[in-house]
Structure formats: structure tokens, C-alpha cells
Protein backbone atom coordinates (compact mmCIF):
# COMPACT_ATOMS: atom_id res chain seq x y z
CA MET A 1 182.79 187.40 8.84
CA LYS A 2 182.35 185.49 5.57
CA THR A 3 179.18 183.48 5.05
CA GLU A 4 181.25 180.94 3.09
CA ASP A 5 183.28 180.19 6.23
CA ILE A 6 180.08 179.65 8.21
CA LYS A 7 178.82 177.29 5.49
CA LEU A 8 182.14 175.49 5.68
CA PHE A 9 181.62 175.09 9.45
CA HIS A 10 178.12 173.70 8.80
CA GLN A 11 179.54 171.18 6.35
CA ILE A 12 182.02 169.88 8.93
CA VAL A 13 179.22 169.52 11.48
CA GLU A 14 176.90 167.71 9.07
CA THR A 15 179.48 165.30 7.68
CA GLY A 16 181.10 164.65 11.05
CA SER A 17 184.69 165.17 9.98
CA MET A 18 187.10 167.57 8.30
CA VAL A 19 188.09 164.89 5.77
CA HIS A 20 184.54 164.23 4.57
CA ALA A 21 183.80 167.94 4.37
CA SER A 22 186.91 168.52 2.29
CA GLU A 23 185.87 165.76 -0.12
CA ILE A 24 182.38 167.23 -0.59
CA LEU A 25 183.64 170.79 -0.97
CA ASP A 26 186.61 169.68 -3.09
CA LEU A 27 188.99 171.73 -0.95
CA PRO A 28 192.26 170.70 0.70
CA LYS A 29 191.87 169.72 4.35
CA SER A 30 194.57 172.27 5.27
CA ASN A 31 192.45 175.01 3.67
CA LEU A 32 189.40 174.02 5.72
CA SER A 33 191.42 173.81 8.91
CA ARG A 34 192.88 177.28 8.35
CA ARG A 35 189.52 178.86 7.60
CA LEU A 36 187.83 177.14 10.55
CA LYS A 37 190.56 178.39 12.88
CA GLY A 38 190.10 181.91 11.46
CA LEU A 39 186.34 181.72 12.13
CA GLU A 40 186.98 180.63 15.72
CA GLU A 41 189.44 183.49 16.23
CA GLU A 42 186.97 185.99 14.77
CA LEU A 43 184.20 184.72 17.06
CA ASN A 44 186.63 184.32 19.96
CA ILE A 45 185.11 180.93 20.79
CA LEU A 46 186.10 177.29 20.35
CA LEU A 47 183.65 175.59 17.99
CA PHE A 48 185.01 172.04 18.19
CA HIS A 49 186.76 169.78 20.67
CA ARG A 50 189.52 168.22 18.60
CA GLN A 51 190.34 164.68 19.73
CA ASN A 52 192.65 162.89 17.31
CA ARG A 53 190.56 162.77 14.10
CA SER A 54 187.15 163.33 15.71
CA MET A 55 185.41 166.70 15.71
CA LEU A 56 182.97 167.17 18.59
CA LEU A 57 180.96 170.36 18.89
CA THR A 58 181.48 172.48 21.97
CA GLU A 59 178.44 173.91 23.71
CA ALA A 60 179.12 177.25 22.02
CA GLY A 61 179.60 175.49 18.66
CA GLU A 62 176.26 173.70 19.02
CA LYS A 63 174.49 176.99 19.77
CA PHE A 64 176.22 178.77 16.88
CA TYR A 65 175.25 175.97 14.47
CA LYS A 66 171.58 175.88 15.49
CA GLN A 67 171.16 179.65 15.30
CA THR A 68 173.01 180.23 12.03
CA LYS A 69 171.60 177.23 10.12
CA PRO A 70 168.13 178.73 9.42
CA ILE A 71 169.66 182.14 8.63
CA LEU A 72 172.00 180.69 5.99
CA ASN A 73 169.26 178.46 4.57
CA GLN A 74 167.04 181.51 4.11
CA LEU A 75 169.92 183.49 2.56
CA GLU A 76 170.73 180.61 0.18
CA THR A 77 167.07 180.27 -0.82
CA THR A 78 166.74 183.99 -1.46
CA ILE A 79 169.90 184.15 -3.59
CA GLN A 80 168.97 181.09 -5.62
CA GLU A 81 165.40 182.27 -6.18
CA VAL A 82 166.34 185.76 -7.38
CA THR A 83 169.17 184.52 -9.61
CA ALA A 84 167.36 181.47 -11.05
CA PRO A 85 167.58 180.14 -13.66
CA SER A 86 171.05 181.60 -14.21
CA ASN A 87 172.30 180.19 -10.87
CA GLU A 88 171.90 176.41 -10.76
CA ILE A 89 170.73 174.81 -7.51
CA GLY A 90 173.56 173.30 -5.45
CA GLY A 91 174.24 172.17 -1.91
CA HIS A 92 174.47 168.96 0.11
CA LEU A 93 171.64 166.60 1.07
CA ARG A 94 171.62 163.94 3.79
CA ILE A 95 168.88 161.38 3.19
CA GLN A 96 167.96 158.45 5.44
CA LEU A 97 166.47 155.28 3.98
CA LEU A 98 165.08 152.36 5.92
CA PRO A 99 165.50 148.88 4.40
CA LEU A 100 162.21 149.27 2.51
CA PRO A 101 160.87 146.88 -0.11
CA ASP A 102 160.99 149.85 -2.53
CA LEU A 103 164.59 150.72 -1.68
CA LEU A 104 165.82 150.23 -5.25
CA MET A 105 163.05 152.36 -6.74
CA ILE A 106 163.75 155.21 -4.30
CA GLY A 107 167.47 154.94 -5.00
CA LYS A 108 166.89 155.25 -8.74
CA MET A 109 164.75 158.35 -8.17
CA ILE A 110 167.53 159.91 -6.08
CA PHE A 111 170.04 159.22 -8.86
CA LYS A 112 167.70 160.80 -11.41
CA PHE A 113 167.41 163.89 -9.19
CA MET A 114 171.21 164.13 -9.05
CA ASP A 115 171.37 163.98 -12.86
CA LEU A 116 168.95 166.91 -13.06
CA TYR A 117 170.96 168.96 -10.53
CA PRO A 118 174.64 167.99 -10.97
CA LYS A 119 175.88 170.63 -8.50
CA ILE A 120 174.09 168.88 -5.63
CA THR A 121 175.99 166.33 -3.53
CA VAL A 122 174.06 163.58 -1.73
CA GLU A 123 174.77 161.31 1.21
CA VAL A 124 172.37 158.37 1.61
CA LEU A 125 172.26 156.69 5.02
CA THR A 126 170.59 153.29 5.34
CA SER A 127 169.55 152.20 8.81
CA SER A 128 167.03 149.82 10.35
CA GLU A 129 166.19 152.35 13.07
CA ASP A 130 164.66 155.80 12.94
CA LYS A 131 167.31 158.46 13.41
CA ASN A 132 166.63 161.80 15.08
CA LEU A 133 166.72 164.09 12.07
CA ALA A 134 167.92 167.22 13.87
CA GLU A 135 170.61 165.48 15.94
CA ASN A 136 171.94 163.61 12.90
CA HIS A 137 171.64 166.59 10.52
CA ILE A 138 169.34 164.64 8.20
CA ASP A 139 167.38 166.72 5.69
CA VAL A 140 164.85 164.12 4.53
CA ALA A 141 163.98 160.57 5.63
CA PHE A 142 161.77 157.79 4.31
CA ARG A 143 159.85 155.89 6.98
CA ILE A 144 157.22 153.18 7.27
CA ALA A 145 154.30 152.53 9.57
CA ILE A 146 151.84 149.68 9.90
CA GLY A 147 148.55 151.53 9.51
CA GLN A 148 147.84 154.90 7.96
CA THR A 149 149.45 157.30 10.43
CA LEU A 150 152.99 158.09 11.56
CA LYS A 151 153.52 158.38 15.31
CA ASP A 152 156.15 161.15 15.45
CA SER A 153 154.04 164.33 15.36
CA SER A 154 157.14 166.56 15.64
CA LEU A 155 157.94 165.89 11.97
CA ILE A 156 156.20 166.98 8.81
CA ALA A 157 155.10 163.72 7.19
CA ARG A 158 153.73 163.23 3.70
CA PRO A 159 152.38 159.88 2.48
CA PHE A 160 154.88 158.83 -0.15
CA LYS A 161 153.64 155.51 -1.49
CA SER A 162 150.85 153.18 -0.50
CA ALA A 163 151.20 149.43 -0.07
CA HIS A 164 148.46 146.80 0.05
CA LEU A 165 149.38 144.01 2.46
CA SER A 166 147.92 140.52 2.65
CA PHE A 167 148.81 137.15 4.17
CA TYR A 168 150.89 134.67 2.17
CA ALA A 169 152.44 131.25 2.71
CA SER A 170 154.54 128.89 0.64
CA PRO A 171 153.12 125.59 -0.67
CA ASP A 172 155.64 123.75 1.53
CA TYR A 173 154.34 125.49 4.64
CA ILE A 174 150.73 124.75 3.72
CA LYS A 175 151.57 121.10 3.03
CA GLU A 176 153.24 120.73 6.43
CA CYS A 177 151.05 122.94 8.64
CA GLY A 178 147.77 123.16 6.79
CA LEU A 179 145.84 126.04 5.24
CA PRO A 180 144.12 128.38 7.75
CA ALA A 181 140.45 128.66 6.76
CA SER A 182 139.93 132.02 8.50
CA PRO A 183 142.05 134.73 10.18
CA ASP A 184 141.00 133.42 13.57
CA GLU A 185 142.97 130.24 12.83
CA LEU A 186 146.22 132.24 12.52
CA LYS A 187 146.67 131.84 16.29
CA HIS A 188 147.43 128.18 15.61
CA HIS A 189 150.08 129.01 12.99
CA ASN A 190 153.63 130.33 12.90
CA VAL A 191 153.53 133.92 11.63
CA LEU A 192 156.71 135.75 10.69
CA ARG A 193 156.64 139.07 12.57
CA PHE A 194 158.27 142.38 11.75
CA ARG A 195 160.09 144.55 14.27
CA ALA A 196 159.63 148.20 13.28
CA PRO A 197 162.41 150.81 13.52
CA ASP A 198 160.82 152.15 16.73
CA GLY A 199 161.30 148.72 18.34
CA GLN A 200 157.67 147.63 18.20
CA ILE A 201 156.99 144.04 17.17
CA TYR A 202 153.87 143.87 15.03
CA SER A 203 151.85 141.09 16.62
CA GLN A 204 148.48 142.70 15.87
CA LEU A 205 147.82 142.92 12.14
CA GLU A 206 144.94 144.68 10.44
CA LEU A 207 142.46 142.91 8.21
CA GLY A 208 140.96 144.94 5.41
CA SER A 209 140.51 148.67 5.97
CA GLY A 210 141.16 148.58 9.70
CA GLN A 211 137.92 146.71 10.32
CA LYS A 212 139.53 144.10 12.56
CA LYS A 213 142.90 143.23 14.07
CA VAL A 214 144.16 139.70 14.44
CA GLU A 215 146.66 138.61 17.10
CA VAL A 216 149.56 136.56 15.73
CA SER A 217 152.65 134.88 17.13
CA GLY A 218 155.61 132.92 15.88
CA ASN A 219 159.17 131.79 16.51
CA LEU A 220 160.88 134.33 14.23
CA VAL A 221 161.02 138.14 14.46
CA ILE A 222 162.95 140.11 11.80
CA ASN A 223 163.49 143.82 11.14
CA SER A 224 164.24 143.29 7.44
CA ALA A 225 161.54 142.89 4.78
CA PRO A 226 163.85 140.94 2.42
CA LEU A 227 164.69 138.40 5.14
CA ILE A 228 161.03 137.94 6.06
CA ILE A 229 160.28 137.19 2.40
CA GLU A 230 163.19 134.74 2.21
CA ALA A 231 162.02 132.97 5.40
CA GLY A 232 158.49 132.74 4.01
CA LEU A 233 159.69 131.29 0.73
CA GLN A 234 161.56 128.64 2.71
CA GLY A 235 158.30 127.63 4.39
CA ARG A 236 159.20 128.96 7.84
CA GLY A 237 155.91 130.74 8.43
CA ILE A 238 153.07 132.90 7.14
CA MET A 239 153.95 136.40 5.92
CA PHE A 240 152.09 139.73 5.92
CA ILE A 241 153.69 141.51 2.96
CA PRO A 242 152.87 143.93 0.10
CA GLU A 243 150.89 142.48 -2.79
CA ASP A 244 153.08 144.04 -5.48
CA ILE A 245 156.03 142.02 -4.16
CA ALA A 246 154.12 138.83 -3.40
CA ASN A 247 152.46 138.70 -6.83
CA HIS A 248 155.85 137.97 -8.39
CA TYR A 249 156.08 134.74 -6.36
CA VAL A 250 152.39 133.87 -6.64
CA GLU A 251 152.73 133.82 -10.43
CA LYS A 252 155.73 131.47 -10.11
CA GLY A 253 153.82 129.18 -7.74
CA GLU A 254 156.18 129.91 -4.83
CA LEU A 255 153.56 131.64 -2.66
CA VAL A 256 149.83 131.33 -2.07
CA ARG A 257 147.64 134.21 -0.96
CA LEU A 258 145.46 133.44 2.06
CA PHE A 259 141.94 134.75 2.71
CA GLU A 260 141.31 135.98 -0.82
CA ASP A 261 137.83 137.17 0.14
CA ILE A 262 139.32 139.76 2.53
CA GLU A 263 140.58 143.00 1.00
CA PRO A 264 144.20 143.99 1.66
CA SER A 265 145.28 146.31 4.47
CA VAL A 266 146.46 149.69 3.17
CA ASN A 267 149.67 151.11 4.63
CA PHE A 268 151.91 154.00 3.68
CA GLY A 269 155.54 154.84 3.32
CA TRP A 270 156.26 158.39 4.49
CA LEU A 271 158.59 161.14 3.41
CA VAL A 272 159.45 163.14 6.53
CA TYR A 273 161.43 166.29 7.33
CA PRO A 274 161.78 168.57 10.38
CA SER A 275 160.37 171.85 9.03
CA ARG A 276 159.78 173.59 5.73
CA THR A 277 160.19 177.04 7.28
CA HIS A 278 163.98 176.98 7.52
CA MET A 279 164.61 174.34 4.87
CA SER A 280 167.20 174.89 2.17
CA LEU A 281 166.05 175.32 -1.41
CA THR A 282 167.97 172.13 -2.24
CA ALA A 283 165.92 170.07 0.23
CA ARG A 284 162.65 171.65 -0.86
CA THR A 285 163.44 170.95 -4.51
CA PHE A 286 164.24 167.32 -3.68
CA ILE A 287 161.00 166.82 -1.73
CA ASP A 288 158.91 168.33 -4.52
CA PHE A 289 160.71 166.16 -7.09
CA MET A 290 160.14 162.94 -5.14
CA MET A 291 156.48 163.66 -4.45
CA SER A 292 155.72 164.53 -8.07
CA ASN A 293 157.58 161.54 -9.50
CA VAL A 294 156.76 158.68 -7.14
CA GLU A 295 153.69 157.39 -8.96
CA ASN A 296 155.29 157.79 -12.39
CA ASN A 297 158.30 155.74 -11.26
CA ALA A 298 156.41 152.90 -9.59
CA SER A 299 157.33 150.58 -12.47
CA MET A 300 161.07 151.35 -12.48
CA ILE A 301 161.95 147.81 -11.33
CA ASP A 302 161.98 145.28 -14.14
CA GLU A 303 159.44 142.64 -13.14
CA SER A 304 161.48 140.00 -14.91
CA GLU A 305 164.29 140.39 -12.39
CA ASP A 306 164.38 138.40 -9.16
CA ILE A 307 162.89 140.66 -6.49
CA ARG A 308 164.80 138.89 -3.72
CA ARG A 309 168.06 139.98 -5.34
CA LEU A 310 166.84 143.55 -5.80
CA LEU A 311 165.68 143.90 -2.21
CA ILE A 312 168.95 142.87 -0.58
């Protein structure tokens, strides 16, 4: 049984189709089909249910995938470590990105990583909801949380980038609805609320370093940071957004920071992955690269450009 045929099987599982796998591996689809059929005959099991163009794992295929994945990852890591630097790192990465305010910066870092390791192929999935990493064969994901902890304890989570959030409103909103003198007065105002990927609507927002939470409400709930910013700029409500984004509009006179005597609330973006034990060398190299470069690349976005355009 050839390990290359098992890796081919893994690629079909992780991309979801024979066509996508053939594109990544740069092999004819007929070649993949023939080798997959040979693997099934050698194992004497059916790995996929074939329905038109869809490829659905059988129960035996699911078991074979889960049990061989860590074995091949370890084998790949061992081979690449003992042959480095003569054997360049390769492989395929599936990365999930939420619609984060720093989406462009993260994307540029991914592209830089690909330039450093040209044999690596990458698939970036953007989604407004948290995907199950194991079920969706995702190697690494970037997630957000209001506060300084991530709820899902089944994942390894590393704080990727901090954000300092404060309350902001447009001059038009203040002219029409008035300027709240204290956080307690927010209950009388329309606050634009964010629905997190886990479905939670953030109606309790932290002031300062978790010293106090304020209850807010409003007529608009959005799961997209760019749209919340656009709604706030149109005067539709008060926003709770990162300072490094809001400062761009404060300088232009399009936003006003509220409660300047209260320090910002510190929140984190997280880089998460299922386990480092059975992780491929490709994924480990990517994680180490992102963690070591995040602070150095914080200024990758040209401040002269319109942040609204960059965020969308």
C-alpha cells in the first residue's frame, strides 16, 4: 500500500471533491480516480459513496481517514525534519477567517507565507460562523471573542492580536440624539450590537479592564464589523469598536469618542487549532510564522486608504 495513495485519499476528503483534489495535486482526475479505486480494492472496502459529482465518506472511509491522518502527519514531519533544508516544506493548508476588522492584514501575512514556501497550497475559507475544525478538515482558524477568553476549551487557542474597544458616535447622531454624559445613559440610546459567530448578541459590554458591564439595546444587530462601522458613520447608533479603526474617522471628524476618561476594553483575536500533537509540519510552520510576525505586520495597511473599503 503506497503512502502517496493514502495522501491522495486525504486530499479528496479535505477538499470535498475529486476535481478540487486534482487541481491542487496537479494530476488528471482520471489518474486520481484510478488510484483511489486501487486503494479501495487493496483495502477491500468502499471509502466513498459516489453520488453524481459528490463524494461522501462511508463509515469505513471516515474511520480510515481519522486513524491514518495522524500517522501520515507524523511521517511527513519526520521526513521533512531529517531532510531539511534540502527538502522544502510542502503540503496543503485549510484556513478559516472570520470577517475580522484585520482581515486584510491577515490575508497579506498568509500571502507572504506562501511566497516563503512556494510548494505549499492554501485554501482560505471566510465565514461569519465558527466551523467545527475537525469536521471541516480545517488546520487553523482565526476567531474573536468579546473579553479575554475563548469559550471552546477543546481547541488550542493562542492570543493573536489585541484590540482596544471604546464607544463612538457620529456628529449627526449626537446632534439628533444628544451626547451621553456617562455609560449609564447608554440605556436611553440606540447602540449598534454585534452578533458573534456563536450566535450570541453582545448586549452587555465591558467598560475598562472588566471593571463594569453596561447593558445596551438598539434596533440594529449585525454580524459584520464593516457594516456596523458603516451604520455608525451614517448616524444610526453608537458603536463599540476598536480604537485603531475608529481613530481614522475621529481624525477626519466623522466620529467622536465617548467617555474619554474611561480606558478602553481589551479584547483578543485568537489563532486556534485542534492539536499540535498530530499536526503536520506545514501547519506548525504556518502557526509559528503568524505568531512571530503579527506585531511586526500591524502597520501593513496604508493609513491613507479608506478603511471602509479595505474592510469589505
